[in-house]
Structures are given as C-alpha cells and as structure tokens.
Amino acid sequence: MYILLIAICLINNNNVRVSSDAKSVCLFSTFIFLILWLMSKKRIVSIHPNGGKPLEFKTTGLSQDQKYVILKIVQSAKTDKLNELNKKVLFKINNII
C-alpha cells in the first residue's frame, strides 16, 4: 500500500501538473504513516488449537534463533501429540478386529 502511495506521489503525467511541494508533502506523509505502521505492529505468535484457548506470546526482544527454537519446540509437541493419538486409535482398531 505504501509503495503504491509513493508511486502515485512520483508519477508525473503530462496531463496533470503537480507542484514539487505537493509531491514532497505526499512523500513525507507516506513515510510518516509507514513509520507509524511499523511501530504499531504487534509481534505476537499465536497458536490456535481446535476448540481451545489460543496460546499467545510476545516475540519482542527475542532473536531470530530464539523464535525458531520456540516454534520447533511447539512443532515437536504437536507431532508427539499426534503420534500419541494415532497409537490410541490403532490400539482401539486392533482391539475391535
């Protein structure tokens, strides 16, 4: 969206004459809105289980490696839970047969 605003500010059509002051104001306001948007972004990881309350934690101040480790732990726990559920289902199927 901001790239579009910048492009609109810089377009110089022959039919439309825009003063350099107007272009400057447009570019300045675009950069201000971009900075405000970047500052207001939430840096939260949210994991939503089926039917449960989501697990949310802030990632502000964590390095990229720390974020990767956390996501790897969560993925491992998810895989372990799925394997456990599969074993239970297979056990029930084998007892029925």
C-alpha atoms as a PDB file:
ATOM      1  CA  MET A   1       0.000   0.000   0.000  1.00  0.00           C
ATOM      2  CA  TYR A   2       2.789   2.407   0.902  1.00  0.00           C
ATOM      3  CA  ILE A   3       4.662   1.581  -2.278  1.00  0.00           C
ATOM      4  CA  LEU A   4       1.514   2.490  -4.197  1.00  0.00           C
ATOM      5  CA  LEU A   5       1.283   5.816  -2.374  1.00  0.00           C
ATOM      6  CA  ILE A   6       4.917   6.566  -3.150  1.00  0.00           C
ATOM      7  CA  ALA A   7       4.392   5.647  -6.801  1.00  0.00           C
ATOM      8  CA  ILE A   8       1.349   7.931  -7.015  1.00  0.00           C
ATOM      9  CA  CYS A   9       3.379  10.736  -5.495  1.00  0.00           C
ATOM     10  CA  LEU A  10       6.168  10.313  -8.029  1.00  0.00           C
ATOM     11  CA  ILE A  11       4.050   9.907 -11.178  1.00  0.00           C
ATOM     12  CA  ASN A  12       4.487  12.845 -13.490  1.00  0.00           C
ATOM     13  CA  ASN A  13       1.701  12.732 -16.077  1.00  0.00           C
ATOM     14  CA  ASN A  14       1.706  15.286 -18.850  1.00  0.00           C
ATOM     15  CA  ASN A  15      -1.991  15.984 -18.286  1.00  0.00           C
ATOM     16  CA  VAL A  16      -1.675  16.599 -14.566  1.00  0.00           C
ATOM     17  CA  ARG A  17       0.759  19.110 -13.191  1.00  0.00           C
ATOM     18  CA  VAL A  18       1.667  18.643  -9.576  1.00  0.00           C
ATOM     19  CA  SER A  19       3.932  21.067  -7.807  1.00  0.00           C
ATOM     20  CA  SER A  20       7.094  19.792  -6.197  1.00  0.00           C
ATOM     21  CA  ASP A  21       5.731  20.980  -2.841  1.00  0.00           C
ATOM     22  CA  ALA A  22       2.689  18.728  -3.205  1.00  0.00           C
ATOM     23  CA  LYS A  23       4.922  15.794  -4.119  1.00  0.00           C
ATOM     24  CA  SER A  24       7.114  16.487  -1.102  1.00  0.00           C
ATOM     25  CA  VAL A  25       4.131  16.620   1.242  1.00  0.00           C
ATOM     26  CA  CYS A  26       2.778  13.392  -0.240  1.00  0.00           C
ATOM     27  CA  LEU A  27       6.113  11.581   0.146  1.00  0.00           C
ATOM     28  CA  PHE A  28       6.653  12.929   3.656  1.00  0.00           C
ATOM     29  CA  SER A  29       3.184  11.872   4.838  1.00  0.00           C
ATOM     30  CA  THR A  30       3.642   8.435   3.252  1.00  0.00           C
ATOM     31  CA  PHE A  31       6.894   7.873   5.126  1.00  0.00           C
ATOM     32  CA  ILE A  32       5.343   9.095   8.386  1.00  0.00           C
ATOM     33  CA  PHE A  33       2.440   6.643   8.004  1.00  0.00           C
ATOM     34  CA  LEU A  34       4.889   3.854   7.140  1.00  0.00           C
ATOM     35  CA  ILE A  35       6.944   4.535  10.273  1.00  0.00           C
ATOM     36  CA  LEU A  36       3.807   4.648  12.445  1.00  0.00           C
ATOM     37  CA  TRP A  37       2.610   1.365  10.951  1.00  0.00           C
ATOM     38  CA  LEU A  38       5.938  -0.352  11.590  1.00  0.00           C
ATOM     39  CA  MET A  39       5.988   0.899  15.190  1.00  0.00           C
ATOM     40  CA  SER A  40       2.444  -0.282  15.872  1.00  0.00           C
ATOM     41  CA  LYS A  41       2.805  -3.818  14.523  1.00  0.00           C
ATOM     42  CA  LYS A  42       2.176  -6.476  17.133  1.00  0.00           C
ATOM     43  CA  ARG A  43       4.926  -9.000  17.371  1.00  0.00           C
ATOM     44  CA  ILE A  44       2.910 -11.834  18.864  1.00  0.00           C
ATOM     45  CA  VAL A  45       2.942 -15.513  17.940  1.00  0.00           C
ATOM     46  CA  SER A  46      -0.498 -17.046  18.344  1.00  0.00           C
ATOM     47  CA  ILE A  47      -1.199 -20.789  18.229  1.00  0.00           C
ATOM     48  CA  HIS A  48      -4.878 -21.701  17.923  1.00  0.00           C
ATOM     49  CA  PRO A  49      -5.835 -25.245  18.898  1.00  0.00           C
ATOM     50  CA  ASN A  50      -9.137 -26.691  17.722  1.00  0.00           C
ATOM     51  CA  GLY A  51     -11.755 -25.625  20.223  1.00  0.00           C
ATOM     52  CA  GLY A  52      -9.251 -24.384  22.782  1.00  0.00           C
ATOM     53  CA  LYS A  53      -7.952 -21.093  24.001  1.00  0.00           C
ATOM     54  CA  PRO A  54      -5.117 -19.760  21.825  1.00  0.00           C
ATOM     55  CA  LEU A  55      -1.582 -19.725  23.153  1.00  0.00           C
ATOM     56  CA  GLU A  56      -0.064 -16.284  22.591  1.00  0.00           C
ATOM     57  CA  PHE A  57       3.361 -14.942  23.429  1.00  0.00           C
ATOM     58  CA  LYS A  58       5.234 -11.788  22.520  1.00  0.00           C
ATOM     59  CA  THR A  59       8.379 -12.098  20.453  1.00  0.00           C
ATOM     60  CA  THR A  60       9.635  -8.590  21.125  1.00  0.00           C
ATOM     61  CA  GLY A  61      13.280  -8.757  22.191  1.00  0.00           C
ATOM     62  CA  LEU A  62      13.810 -12.347  21.050  1.00  0.00           C
ATOM     63  CA  SER A  63      16.435 -13.125  18.458  1.00  0.00           C
ATOM     64  CA  GLN A  64      15.516 -14.978  15.278  1.00  0.00           C
ATOM     65  CA  ASP A  65      17.219 -18.116  16.643  1.00  0.00           C
ATOM     66  CA  GLN A  66      15.187 -17.979  19.863  1.00  0.00           C
ATOM     67  CA  LYS A  67      11.966 -17.653  17.874  1.00  0.00           C
ATOM     68  CA  TYR A  68      12.986 -20.631  15.750  1.00  0.00           C
ATOM     69  CA  VAL A  69      13.700 -22.736  18.848  1.00  0.00           C
ATOM     70  CA  ILE A  70      10.297 -21.901  20.360  1.00  0.00           C
ATOM     71  CA  LEU A  71       8.475 -22.787  17.156  1.00  0.00           C
ATOM     72  CA  LYS A  72      10.490 -26.008  16.851  1.00  0.00           C
ATOM     73  CA  ILE A  73       9.510 -26.994  20.427  1.00  0.00           C
ATOM     74  CA  VAL A  74       5.841 -26.289  19.684  1.00  0.00           C
ATOM     75  CA  GLN A  75       6.014 -28.275  16.434  1.00  0.00           C
ATOM     76  CA  SER A  76       7.685 -31.176  18.242  1.00  0.00           C
ATOM     77  CA  ALA A  77       4.971 -31.174  20.927  1.00  0.00           C
ATOM     78  CA  LYS A  78       2.307 -31.161  18.235  1.00  0.00           C
ATOM     79  CA  THR A  79       3.949 -34.106  16.459  1.00  0.00           C
ATOM     80  CA  ASP A  80       4.261 -36.039  19.725  1.00  0.00           C
ATOM     81  CA  LYS A  81       0.569 -35.460  20.494  1.00  0.00           C
ATOM     82  CA  LEU A  82      -0.466 -36.620  17.013  1.00  0.00           C
ATOM     83  CA  ASN A  83       1.676 -39.750  17.349  1.00  0.00           C
ATOM     84  CA  GLU A  84       0.096 -40.481  20.728  1.00  0.00           C
ATOM     85  CA  LEU A  85      -3.407 -40.080  19.299  1.00  0.00           C
ATOM     86  CA  ASN A  86      -2.542 -42.318  16.334  1.00  0.00           C
ATOM     87  CA  LYS A  87      -1.319 -45.062  18.707  1.00  0.00           C
ATOM     88  CA  LYS A  88      -4.577 -44.871  20.680  1.00  0.00           C
ATOM     89  CA  VAL A  89      -6.674 -45.071  17.517  1.00  0.00           C
ATOM     90  CA  LEU A  90      -4.654 -48.007  16.168  1.00  0.00           C
ATOM     91  CA  PHE A  91      -4.936 -49.776  19.545  1.00  0.00           C
ATOM     92  CA  LYS A  92      -8.727 -49.394  19.501  1.00  0.00           C
ATOM     93  CA  ILE A  93      -8.925 -50.574  15.887  1.00  0.00           C
ATOM     94  CA  ASN A  94      -6.784 -53.639  16.664  1.00  0.00           C
ATOM     95  CA  ASN A  95      -8.964 -54.495  19.673  1.00  0.00           C
ATOM     96  CA  ILE A  96     -12.122 -54.303  17.538  1.00  0.00           C
ATOM     97  CA  ILE A  97     -10.696 -56.554  14.831  1.00  0.00           C
END
